[in-house]
């Protein structure tokens, strides 16, 4: 049992990348790699941040071989913690079909508030790009109808 093995196991179980964990802890992704390979160990401040990120106690993180036991670790669901997140994405896509500007605005708001869920961020970026393209087509169509050229 090593701390690096536990850190890698928890990161993969939560679906996080080394880059994402590094951004959350405000360190480099190379440091995360060094921790997971047991080249260096995190200091106590980073251990506390890691335990909060993975929703696991320091005692379990340091003393237990997590890859061998079925430890119940609560982790961030990529779709959010409730149906509210899924409902929000559906509302955004519906609004963007009717009102391109508001769909664009709501996509930016969702991207800001749900930045802890990597899969949702990726999906929201896709909606943001679609809304931006739709908004551009809307503006071009508006100019063509007004004969502003």
C-alpha atoms as a PDB file:
ATOM      1  CA  UNK A   1       0.000   0.000   0.000  1.00  0.00           C
ATOM      2  CA  UNK A   2       1.359   3.368  -1.000  1.00  0.00           C
ATOM      3  CA  UNK A   3      -0.042   6.831  -0.901  1.00  0.00           C
ATOM      4  CA  UNK A   4       0.641   7.268  -4.617  1.00  0.00           C
ATOM      5  CA  UNK A   5      -1.431   4.197  -5.456  1.00  0.00           C
ATOM      6  CA  UNK A   6      -4.315   5.551  -3.406  1.00  0.00           C
ATOM      7  CA  UNK A   7      -4.106   8.971  -5.039  1.00  0.00           C
ATOM      8  CA  UNK A   8      -4.111   7.479  -8.530  1.00  0.00           C
ATOM      9  CA  UNK A   9      -6.956   5.104  -7.649  1.00  0.00           C
ATOM     10  CA  UNK A  10      -9.115   7.936  -6.281  1.00  0.00           C
ATOM     11  CA  UNK A  11      -8.359  10.200  -9.223  1.00  0.00           C
ATOM     12  CA  UNK A  12      -9.323   7.533 -11.749  1.00  0.00           C
ATOM     13  CA  UNK A  13     -12.384   6.440  -9.756  1.00  0.00           C
ATOM     14  CA  UNK A  14     -13.654  10.027  -9.792  1.00  0.00           C
ATOM     15  CA  UNK A  15     -12.922  10.383 -13.505  1.00  0.00           C
ATOM     16  CA  UNK A  16     -10.491  13.258 -13.006  1.00  0.00           C
ATOM     17  CA  UNK A  17      -7.401  13.984 -15.062  1.00  0.00           C
ATOM     18  CA  UNK A  18      -4.084  14.934 -13.511  1.00  0.00           C
ATOM     19  CA  UNK A  19      -4.523  18.375 -15.037  1.00  0.00           C
ATOM     20  CA  UNK A  20      -7.941  18.799 -13.401  1.00  0.00           C
ATOM     21  CA  UNK A  21      -6.666  17.782  -9.943  1.00  0.00           C
ATOM     22  CA  UNK A  22      -3.658  20.074 -10.373  1.00  0.00           C
ATOM     23  CA  UNK A  23      -5.939  23.000 -11.247  1.00  0.00           C
ATOM     24  CA  UNK A  24      -8.082  22.358  -8.180  1.00  0.00           C
ATOM     25  CA  UNK A  25      -5.019  22.302  -5.904  1.00  0.00           C
ATOM     26  CA  UNK A  26      -3.310  25.154  -7.804  1.00  0.00           C
ATOM     27  CA  UNK A  27      -0.163  23.130  -8.494  1.00  0.00           C
ATOM     28  CA  UNK A  28       1.421  21.625 -11.618  1.00  0.00           C
ATOM     29  CA  UNK A  29       0.258  18.364 -13.162  1.00  0.00           C
ATOM     30  CA  UNK A  30       3.868  17.136 -12.949  1.00  0.00           C
ATOM     31  CA  UNK A  31       3.555  17.308  -9.163  1.00  0.00           C
ATOM     32  CA  UNK A  32       0.461  15.095  -9.293  1.00  0.00           C
ATOM     33  CA  UNK A  33       2.396  12.615 -11.423  1.00  0.00           C
ATOM     34  CA  UNK A  34       5.278  12.608  -8.948  1.00  0.00           C
ATOM     35  CA  UNK A  35       2.865  11.958  -6.078  1.00  0.00           C
ATOM     36  CA  UNK A  36       1.181   9.080  -7.894  1.00  0.00           C
ATOM     37  CA  UNK A  37       4.565   7.515  -8.734  1.00  0.00           C
ATOM     38  CA  UNK A  38       5.756   7.936  -5.122  1.00  0.00           C
ATOM     39  CA  UNK A  39       8.695  10.124  -6.111  1.00  0.00           C
ATOM     40  CA  UNK A  40       7.602  12.805  -3.673  1.00  0.00           C
ATOM     41  CA  UNK A  41       4.806  13.113  -1.112  1.00  0.00           C
ATOM     42  CA  UNK A  42       2.252  15.897  -0.730  1.00  0.00           C
ATOM     43  CA  UNK A  43       2.542  18.229   2.233  1.00  0.00           C
ATOM     44  CA  UNK A  44      -0.181  18.314   4.878  1.00  0.00           C
ATOM     45  CA  UNK A  45      -2.023  21.247   3.274  1.00  0.00           C
ATOM     46  CA  UNK A  46      -2.276  19.417  -0.042  1.00  0.00           C
ATOM     47  CA  UNK A  47      -3.307  16.201   1.706  1.00  0.00           C
ATOM     48  CA  UNK A  48      -6.210  18.061   3.294  1.00  0.00           C
ATOM     49  CA  UNK A  49      -7.206  19.525  -0.072  1.00  0.00           C
ATOM     50  CA  UNK A  50      -6.988  16.076  -1.666  1.00  0.00           C
ATOM     51  CA  UNK A  51      -9.172  14.534   1.028  1.00  0.00           C
ATOM     52  CA  UNK A  52     -11.762  17.259   0.456  1.00  0.00           C
ATOM     53  CA  UNK A  53     -11.588  16.856  -3.318  1.00  0.00           C
ATOM     54  CA  UNK A  54     -12.097  13.086  -3.089  1.00  0.00           C
ATOM     55  CA  UNK A  55     -14.537  13.288  -0.148  1.00  0.00           C
ATOM     56  CA  UNK A  56     -12.530  10.854   1.945  1.00  0.00           C
ATOM     57  CA  UNK A  57     -10.982  11.158   5.401  1.00  0.00           C
ATOM     58  CA  UNK A  58      -7.253  11.634   5.844  1.00  0.00           C
ATOM     59  CA  UNK A  59      -7.124   8.502   7.973  1.00  0.00           C
ATOM     60  CA  UNK A  60      -8.546   6.328   5.204  1.00  0.00           C
ATOM     61  CA  UNK A  61      -6.427   8.053   2.562  1.00  0.00           C
ATOM     62  CA  UNK A  62      -3.165   7.459   4.438  1.00  0.00           C
ATOM     63  CA  UNK A  63      -3.748   4.098   6.131  1.00  0.00           C
ATOM     64  CA  UNK A  64      -5.874   2.031   3.761  1.00  0.00           C
ATOM     65  CA  UNK A  65      -5.038   0.314   0.499  1.00  0.00           C
ATOM     66  CA  UNK A  66      -8.019   1.625  -1.437  1.00  0.00           C
ATOM     67  CA  UNK A  67      -7.405  -0.411  -4.564  1.00  0.00           C
ATOM     68  CA  UNK A  68      -7.735  -3.674  -2.586  1.00  0.00           C
ATOM     69  CA  UNK A  69     -10.804  -2.797  -0.521  1.00  0.00           C
ATOM     70  CA  UNK A  70     -14.187  -1.640  -1.610  1.00  0.00           C
ATOM     71  CA  UNK A  71     -14.147   1.685   0.217  1.00  0.00           C
ATOM     72  CA  UNK A  72     -17.223   3.734  -0.452  1.00  0.00           C
ATOM     73  CA  UNK A  73     -16.039   7.095  -1.702  1.00  0.00           C
ATOM     74  CA  UNK A  74     -18.576   9.669  -2.688  1.00  0.00           C
ATOM     75  CA  UNK A  75     -17.462  11.431  -5.801  1.00  0.00           C
ATOM     76  CA  UNK A  76     -18.709  14.072  -8.119  1.00  0.00           C
ATOM     77  CA  UNK A  77     -21.170  12.697 -10.578  1.00  0.00           C
ATOM     78  CA  UNK A  78     -20.181  14.029 -14.014  1.00  0.00           C
ATOM     79  CA  UNK A  79     -23.795  15.093 -14.589  1.00  0.00           C
ATOM     80  CA  UNK A  80     -23.997  16.985 -11.332  1.00  0.00           C
ATOM     81  CA  UNK A  81     -25.317  16.125  -7.939  1.00  0.00           C
ATOM     82  CA  UNK A  82     -28.992  16.218  -8.866  1.00  0.00           C
ATOM     83  CA  UNK A  83     -31.482  16.271 -11.663  1.00  0.00           C
ATOM     84  CA  UNK A  84     -31.273  20.062 -11.573  1.00  0.00           C
ATOM     85  CA  UNK A  85     -28.093  19.939 -13.646  1.00  0.00           C
ATOM     86  CA  UNK A  86     -29.615  17.733 -16.344  1.00  0.00           C
ATOM     87  CA  UNK A  87     -32.756  19.862 -16.319  1.00  0.00           C
ATOM     88  CA  UNK A  88     -30.588  22.982 -16.738  1.00  0.00           C
ATOM     89  CA  UNK A  89     -28.831  21.528 -19.786  1.00  0.00           C
ATOM     90  CA  UNK A  90     -32.177  20.606 -21.363  1.00  0.00           C
ATOM     91  CA  UNK A  91     -33.547  24.102 -20.699  1.00  0.00           C
ATOM     92  CA  UNK A  92     -30.420  25.643 -22.260  1.00  0.00           C
ATOM     93  CA  UNK A  93     -30.802  23.601 -25.426  1.00  0.00           C
ATOM     94  CA  UNK A  94     -34.522  24.483 -25.670  1.00  0.00           C
ATOM     95  CA  UNK A  95     -33.925  28.197 -25.057  1.00  0.00           C
ATOM     96  CA  UNK A  96     -31.085  28.258 -27.580  1.00  0.00           C
ATOM     97  CA  UNK A  97     -33.454  26.993 -30.271  1.00  0.00           C
ATOM     98  CA  UNK A  98     -35.883  29.838 -29.628  1.00  0.00           C
ATOM     99  CA  UNK A  99     -33.652  32.700 -28.515  1.00  0.00           C
ATOM    100  CA  UNK A 100     -30.010  32.379 -29.572  1.00  0.00           C
ATOM    101  CA  UNK A 101     -28.713  35.242 -27.416  1.00  0.00           C
ATOM    102  CA  UNK A 102     -30.229  33.882 -24.197  1.00  0.00           C
ATOM    103  CA  UNK A 103     -29.037  30.359 -24.985  1.00  0.00           C
ATOM    104  CA  UNK A 104     -25.539  31.759 -25.355  1.00  0.00           C
ATOM    105  CA  UNK A 105     -25.817  33.663 -22.090  1.00  0.00           C
ATOM    106  CA  UNK A 106     -27.205  30.694 -20.141  1.00  0.00           C
ATOM    107  CA  UNK A 107     -24.475  28.420 -21.517  1.00  0.00           C
ATOM    108  CA  UNK A 108     -21.856  30.804 -20.160  1.00  0.00           C
ATOM    109  CA  UNK A 109     -23.610  30.889 -16.791  1.00  0.00           C
ATOM    110  CA  UNK A 110     -23.726  27.088 -16.615  1.00  0.00           C
ATOM    111  CA  UNK A 111     -20.078  26.869 -17.595  1.00  0.00           C
ATOM    112  CA  UNK A 112     -19.227  29.169 -14.701  1.00  0.00           C
ATOM    113  CA  UNK A 113     -21.349  27.487 -12.028  1.00  0.00           C
ATOM    114  CA  UNK A 114     -20.787  23.819 -12.947  1.00  0.00           C
ATOM    115  CA  UNK A 115     -17.038  23.897 -13.548  1.00  0.00           C
ATOM    116  CA  UNK A 116     -16.439  21.064 -11.028  1.00  0.00           C
ATOM    117  CA  UNK A 117     -17.909  18.413 -13.305  1.00  0.00           C
ATOM    118  CA  UNK A 118     -15.510  17.685 -16.192  1.00  0.00           C
ATOM    119  CA  UNK A 119     -18.014  15.802 -18.356  1.00  0.00           C
ATOM    120  CA  UNK A 120     -20.662  18.475 -17.896  1.00  0.00           C
ATOM    121  CA  UNK A 121     -18.118  21.191 -18.742  1.00  0.00           C
ATOM    122  CA  UNK A 122     -17.295  19.369 -21.987  1.00  0.00           C
ATOM    123  CA  UNK A 123     -20.973  19.001 -22.858  1.00  0.00           C
ATOM    124  CA  UNK A 124     -21.642  22.623 -21.976  1.00  0.00           C
ATOM    125  CA  UNK A 125     -18.748  23.784 -24.177  1.00  0.00           C
ATOM    126  CA  UNK A 126     -20.370  21.888 -27.033  1.00  0.00           C
ATOM    127  CA  UNK A 127     -23.694  23.671 -26.365  1.00  0.00           C
ATOM    128  CA  UNK A 128     -21.836  26.976 -26.120  1.00  0.00           C
ATOM    129  CA  UNK A 129     -20.242  26.488 -29.546  1.00  0.00           C
ATOM    130  CA  UNK A 130     -23.593  25.440 -31.049  1.00  0.00           C
ATOM    131  CA  UNK A 131     -25.294  28.467 -29.500  1.00  0.00           C
ATOM    132  CA  UNK A 132     -22.550  30.766 -30.779  1.00  0.00           C
ATOM    133  CA  UNK A 133     -22.937  29.428 -34.320  1.00  0.00           C
ATOM    134  CA  UNK A 134     -26.712  29.715 -34.067  1.00  0.00           C
ATOM    135  CA  UNK A 135     -26.403  33.283 -32.775  1.00  0.00           C
ATOM    136  CA  UNK A 136     -24.115  34.213 -35.689  1.00  0.00           C
ATOM    137  CA  UNK A 137     -26.615  32.782 -38.175  1.00  0.00           C
ATOM    138  CA  UNK A 138     -29.365  34.700 -36.396  1.00  0.00           C
ATOM    139  CA  UNK A 139     -27.442  37.993 -36.744  1.00  0.00           C
ATOM    140  CA  UNK A 140     -26.708  37.355 -40.442  1.00  0.00           C
ATOM    141  CA  UNK A 141     -30.359  36.519 -41.068  1.00  0.00           C
ATOM    142  CA  UNK A 142     -31.432  39.662 -39.230  1.00  0.00           C
ATOM    143  CA  UNK A 143     -29.153  41.825 -41.393  1.00  0.00           C
ATOM    144  CA  UNK A 144     -30.382  40.165 -44.574  1.00  0.00           C
ATOM    145  CA  UNK A 145     -34.007  40.764 -43.638  1.00  0.00           C
ATOM    146  CA  UNK A 146     -33.355  44.411 -42.800  1.00  0.00           C
ATOM    147  CA  UNK A 147     -31.479  44.983 -46.073  1.00  0.00           C
ATOM    148  CA  UNK A 148     -28.695  46.661 -44.149  1.00  0.00           C
ATOM    149  CA  UNK A 149     -25.977  45.735 -46.652  1.00  0.00           C
END
